[in-house]
Amino acid sequence: MTSPAQDQPQHHHDDERHERWAQQEEAATAATRDIADVPAVEVITTAAVHLMSAAAVKVGLADDPDSQLDLDEARKLINALAGLITAGAPEISDMHARSLRDGLRSLQLAFREASSVPDPIGKGPGEKWTGPVN
């Protein structure tokens, strides 16, 4: 006795796979159309908020700092965030840039506080772009 799956011809499985591919391609096309409608300021600020959130977790500001603290990872994220904010600030409104800079500064200070051997002033994460934070 054969199972129902064995009774189905191979082309049925190929049809399902092609249907899945078509759906994925359609979703990708829709996402591309959607991103085309998003203003640059929104893309920049969204990317900054994602970096900021990830850095906050890695610097120990989340719900489980004992297991989530990773200052090496936090340094990378804060450096990337500082570069993005510095480069993007002239392209976005002062209102957006100011709040992003405030968040960045808070992360830089939290990093300094979490470090057992703090970086010299001006050498902490992101300070290459922001100047000294203390």
C-alpha atoms as a PDB file:
ATOM      1  CA  MET A   1       0.000   0.000   0.000  1.00  0.00           C
ATOM      2  CA  THR A   2       1.361   3.446  -0.921  1.00  0.00           C
ATOM      3  CA  SER A   3       0.878   6.700   0.891  1.00  0.00           C
ATOM      4  CA  PRO A   4      -1.074   9.555  -0.734  1.00  0.00           C
ATOM      5  CA  ALA A   5       2.189  11.485  -1.172  1.00  0.00           C
ATOM      6  CA  GLN A   6       3.668   8.586  -3.131  1.00  0.00           C
ATOM      7  CA  ASP A   7       0.591   8.508  -5.364  1.00  0.00           C
ATOM      8  CA  GLN A   8       1.113  12.151  -6.410  1.00  0.00           C
ATOM      9  CA  PRO A   9       3.262  12.589  -9.483  1.00  0.00           C
ATOM     10  CA  GLN A  10       6.594  14.435  -9.197  1.00  0.00           C
ATOM     11  CA  HIS A  11       5.302  17.345 -11.268  1.00  0.00           C
ATOM     12  CA  HIS A  12       2.915  18.241  -8.433  1.00  0.00           C
ATOM     13  CA  HIS A  13       5.900  18.902  -6.131  1.00  0.00           C
ATOM     14  CA  ASP A  14       7.573  20.929  -8.900  1.00  0.00           C
ATOM     15  CA  ASP A  15       4.385  22.972  -9.311  1.00  0.00           C
ATOM     16  CA  GLU A  16       4.317  23.718  -5.570  1.00  0.00           C
ATOM     17  CA  ARG A  17       7.967  24.786  -5.627  1.00  0.00           C
ATOM     18  CA  HIS A  18       7.415  27.050  -8.651  1.00  0.00           C
ATOM     19  CA  GLU A  19       4.356  28.552  -6.961  1.00  0.00           C
ATOM     20  CA  ARG A  20       6.431  29.275  -3.822  1.00  0.00           C
ATOM     21  CA  TRP A  21       9.139  30.902  -5.956  1.00  0.00           C
ATOM     22  CA  ALA A  22       6.556  33.023  -7.732  1.00  0.00           C
ATOM     23  CA  GLN A  23       5.123  34.161  -4.382  1.00  0.00           C
ATOM     24  CA  GLN A  24       8.595  35.009  -3.053  1.00  0.00           C
ATOM     25  CA  GLU A  25       9.437  36.949  -6.203  1.00  0.00           C
ATOM     26  CA  GLU A  26       6.169  38.853  -5.963  1.00  0.00           C
ATOM     27  CA  ALA A  27       6.878  39.703  -2.303  1.00  0.00           C
ATOM     28  CA  ALA A  28      10.397  40.904  -3.197  1.00  0.00           C
ATOM     29  CA  THR A  29       9.008  43.084  -6.000  1.00  0.00           C
ATOM     30  CA  ALA A  30       6.418  44.562  -3.620  1.00  0.00           C
ATOM     31  CA  ALA A  31       9.106  45.270  -1.010  1.00  0.00           C
ATOM     32  CA  THR A  32      11.239  46.998  -3.636  1.00  0.00           C
ATOM     33  CA  ARG A  33       8.292  49.141  -4.674  1.00  0.00           C
ATOM     34  CA  ASP A  34       7.586  49.944  -1.014  1.00  0.00           C
ATOM     35  CA  ILE A  35      11.169  51.046  -0.277  1.00  0.00           C
ATOM     36  CA  ALA A  36      11.041  53.323  -3.311  1.00  0.00           C
ATOM     37  CA  ASP A  37       8.231  55.227  -1.586  1.00  0.00           C
ATOM     38  CA  VAL A  38      10.120  55.698   1.704  1.00  0.00           C
ATOM     39  CA  PRO A  39      11.789  59.106   2.162  1.00  0.00           C
ATOM     40  CA  ALA A  40      15.566  59.067   2.730  1.00  0.00           C
ATOM     41  CA  VAL A  41      15.211  60.680   6.168  1.00  0.00           C
ATOM     42  CA  GLU A  42      13.082  57.740   7.279  1.00  0.00           C
ATOM     43  CA  VAL A  43      15.564  55.157   5.968  1.00  0.00           C
ATOM     44  CA  ILE A  44      18.464  56.952   7.702  1.00  0.00           C
ATOM     45  CA  THR A  45      16.666  57.345  11.024  1.00  0.00           C
ATOM     46  CA  THR A  46      15.368  53.764  10.953  1.00  0.00           C
ATOM     47  CA  ALA A  47      18.869  52.411  10.339  1.00  0.00           C
ATOM     48  CA  ALA A  48      20.179  54.597  13.174  1.00  0.00           C
ATOM     49  CA  VAL A  49      17.485  53.385  15.568  1.00  0.00           C
ATOM     50  CA  HIS A  50      18.318  49.747  14.752  1.00  0.00           C
ATOM     51  CA  LEU A  51      22.020  50.376  15.427  1.00  0.00           C
ATOM     52  CA  MET A  52      21.134  52.266  18.600  1.00  0.00           C
ATOM     53  CA  SER A  53      18.905  49.466  19.884  1.00  0.00           C
ATOM     54  CA  ALA A  54      21.497  46.781  19.177  1.00  0.00           C
ATOM     55  CA  ALA A  55      24.241  48.852  20.830  1.00  0.00           C
ATOM     56  CA  ALA A  56      22.062  49.441  23.900  1.00  0.00           C
ATOM     57  CA  VAL A  57      21.637  45.689  24.350  1.00  0.00           C
ATOM     58  CA  LYS A  58      25.365  45.019  23.867  1.00  0.00           C
ATOM     59  CA  VAL A  59      26.372  47.777  26.299  1.00  0.00           C
ATOM     60  CA  GLY A  60      24.206  46.181  28.993  1.00  0.00           C
ATOM     61  CA  LEU A  61      21.146  48.441  28.968  1.00  0.00           C
ATOM     62  CA  ALA A  62      18.656  45.644  28.207  1.00  0.00           C
ATOM     63  CA  ASP A  63      16.779  43.189  30.411  1.00  0.00           C
ATOM     64  CA  ASP A  64      19.651  40.688  30.933  1.00  0.00           C
ATOM     65  CA  PRO A  65      22.955  42.565  31.007  1.00  0.00           C
ATOM     66  CA  ASP A  66      24.863  39.618  32.497  1.00  0.00           C
ATOM     67  CA  SER A  67      24.332  37.511  29.394  1.00  0.00           C
ATOM     68  CA  GLN A  68      23.970  40.285  26.786  1.00  0.00           C
ATOM     69  CA  LEU A  69      26.905  42.568  27.648  1.00  0.00           C
ATOM     70  CA  ASP A  70      29.458  42.470  24.820  1.00  0.00           C
ATOM     71  CA  LEU A  71      31.565  45.616  24.690  1.00  0.00           C
ATOM     72  CA  ASP A  72      33.497  44.528  21.603  1.00  0.00           C
ATOM     73  CA  GLU A  73      30.231  44.253  19.675  1.00  0.00           C
ATOM     74  CA  ALA A  74      28.911  47.456  21.273  1.00  0.00           C
ATOM     75  CA  ARG A  75      32.020  49.351  20.135  1.00  0.00           C
ATOM     76  CA  LYS A  76      31.448  48.281  16.518  1.00  0.00           C
ATOM     77  CA  LEU A  77      27.790  49.275  16.618  1.00  0.00           C
ATOM     78  CA  ILE A  78      28.483  52.645  18.268  1.00  0.00           C
ATOM     79  CA  ASN A  79      31.225  53.409  15.733  1.00  0.00           C
ATOM     80  CA  ALA A  80      28.859  52.601  12.861  1.00  0.00           C
ATOM     81  CA  LEU A  81      26.089  54.663  14.459  1.00  0.00           C
ATOM     82  CA  ALA A  82      28.399  57.654  14.961  1.00  0.00           C
ATOM     83  CA  GLY A  83      29.508  57.468  11.330  1.00  0.00           C
ATOM     84  CA  LEU A  84      25.938  57.252  10.076  1.00  0.00           C
ATOM     85  CA  ILE A  85      24.743  60.142  12.234  1.00  0.00           C
ATOM     86  CA  THR A  86      27.727  62.325  11.335  1.00  0.00           C
ATOM     87  CA  ALA A  87      27.339  61.672   7.613  1.00  0.00           C
ATOM     88  CA  GLY A  88      23.544  61.753   7.634  1.00  0.00           C
ATOM     89  CA  ALA A  89      22.973  64.787   9.860  1.00  0.00           C
ATOM     90  CA  PRO A  90      23.266  67.359   7.045  1.00  0.00           C
ATOM     91  CA  GLU A  91      20.721  65.351   5.040  1.00  0.00           C
ATOM     92  CA  ILE A  92      18.037  65.125   7.731  1.00  0.00           C
ATOM     93  CA  SER A  93      16.325  67.811   9.761  1.00  0.00           C
ATOM     94  CA  ASP A  94      17.996  69.220  12.861  1.00  0.00           C
ATOM     95  CA  MET A  95      15.153  67.777  14.943  1.00  0.00           C
ATOM     96  CA  HIS A  96      15.985  64.234  13.791  1.00  0.00           C
ATOM     97  CA  ALA A  97      19.740  64.735  14.020  1.00  0.00           C
ATOM     98  CA  ARG A  98      19.552  66.188  17.538  1.00  0.00           C
ATOM     99  CA  SER A  99      17.626  63.259  18.972  1.00  0.00           C
ATOM    100  CA  LEU A 100      19.949  60.760  17.252  1.00  0.00           C
ATOM    101  CA  ARG A 101      23.011  62.588  18.615  1.00  0.00           C
ATOM    102  CA  ASP A 102      21.484  62.542  22.119  1.00  0.00           C
ATOM    103  CA  GLY A 103      20.929  58.784  21.882  1.00  0.00           C
ATOM    104  CA  LEU A 104      24.461  58.259  20.576  1.00  0.00           C
ATOM    105  CA  ARG A 105      25.949  60.316  23.413  1.00  0.00           C
ATOM    106  CA  SER A 106      23.977  58.281  25.966  1.00  0.00           C
ATOM    107  CA  LEU A 107      25.343  55.067  24.473  1.00  0.00           C
ATOM    108  CA  GLN A 108      28.884  56.421  24.492  1.00  0.00           C
ATOM    109  CA  LEU A 109      28.561  57.345  28.172  1.00  0.00           C
ATOM    110  CA  ALA A 110      27.004  53.958  29.013  1.00  0.00           C
ATOM    111  CA  PHE A 111      29.884  52.248  27.195  1.00  0.00           C
ATOM    112  CA  ARG A 112      32.435  54.249  29.215  1.00  0.00           C
ATOM    113  CA  GLU A 113      30.625  53.342  32.446  1.00  0.00           C
ATOM    114  CA  ALA A 114      30.437  49.634  31.539  1.00  0.00           C
ATOM    115  CA  SER A 115      34.133  49.405  30.641  1.00  0.00           C
ATOM    116  CA  SER A 116      36.419  48.083  33.365  1.00  0.00           C
ATOM    117  CA  VAL A 117      39.307  49.914  31.646  1.00  0.00           C
ATOM    118  CA  PRO A 118      37.783  53.054  30.106  1.00  0.00           C
ATOM    119  CA  ASP A 119      39.188  54.415  26.861  1.00  0.00           C
ATOM    120  CA  PRO A 120      41.084  57.708  27.073  1.00  0.00           C
ATOM    121  CA  ILE A 121      38.845  60.735  26.452  1.00  0.00           C
ATOM    122  CA  GLY A 122      38.467  61.135  22.694  1.00  0.00           C
ATOM    123  CA  LYS A 123      39.347  57.481  21.962  1.00  0.00           C
ATOM    124  CA  GLY A 124      36.038  55.837  22.917  1.00  0.00           C
ATOM    125  CA  PRO A 125      33.636  54.339  20.402  1.00  0.00           C
ATOM    126  CA  GLY A 126      32.405  56.892  17.888  1.00  0.00           C
ATOM    127  CA  GLU A 127      34.515  59.709  19.320  1.00  0.00           C
ATOM    128  CA  LYS A 128      36.527  59.795  16.111  1.00  0.00           C
ATOM    129  CA  TRP A 129      33.379  61.313  14.541  1.00  0.00           C
ATOM    130  CA  THR A 130      31.710  63.029  17.488  1.00  0.00           C
ATOM    131  CA  GLY A 131      34.674  64.377  19.394  1.00  0.00           C
ATOM    132  CA  PRO A 132      35.320  63.629  23.089  1.00  0.00           C
ATOM    133  CA  VAL A 133      32.381  62.558  25.234  1.00  0.00           C
ATOM    134  CA  ASN A 134      32.619  62.798  29.025  1.00  0.00           C
END
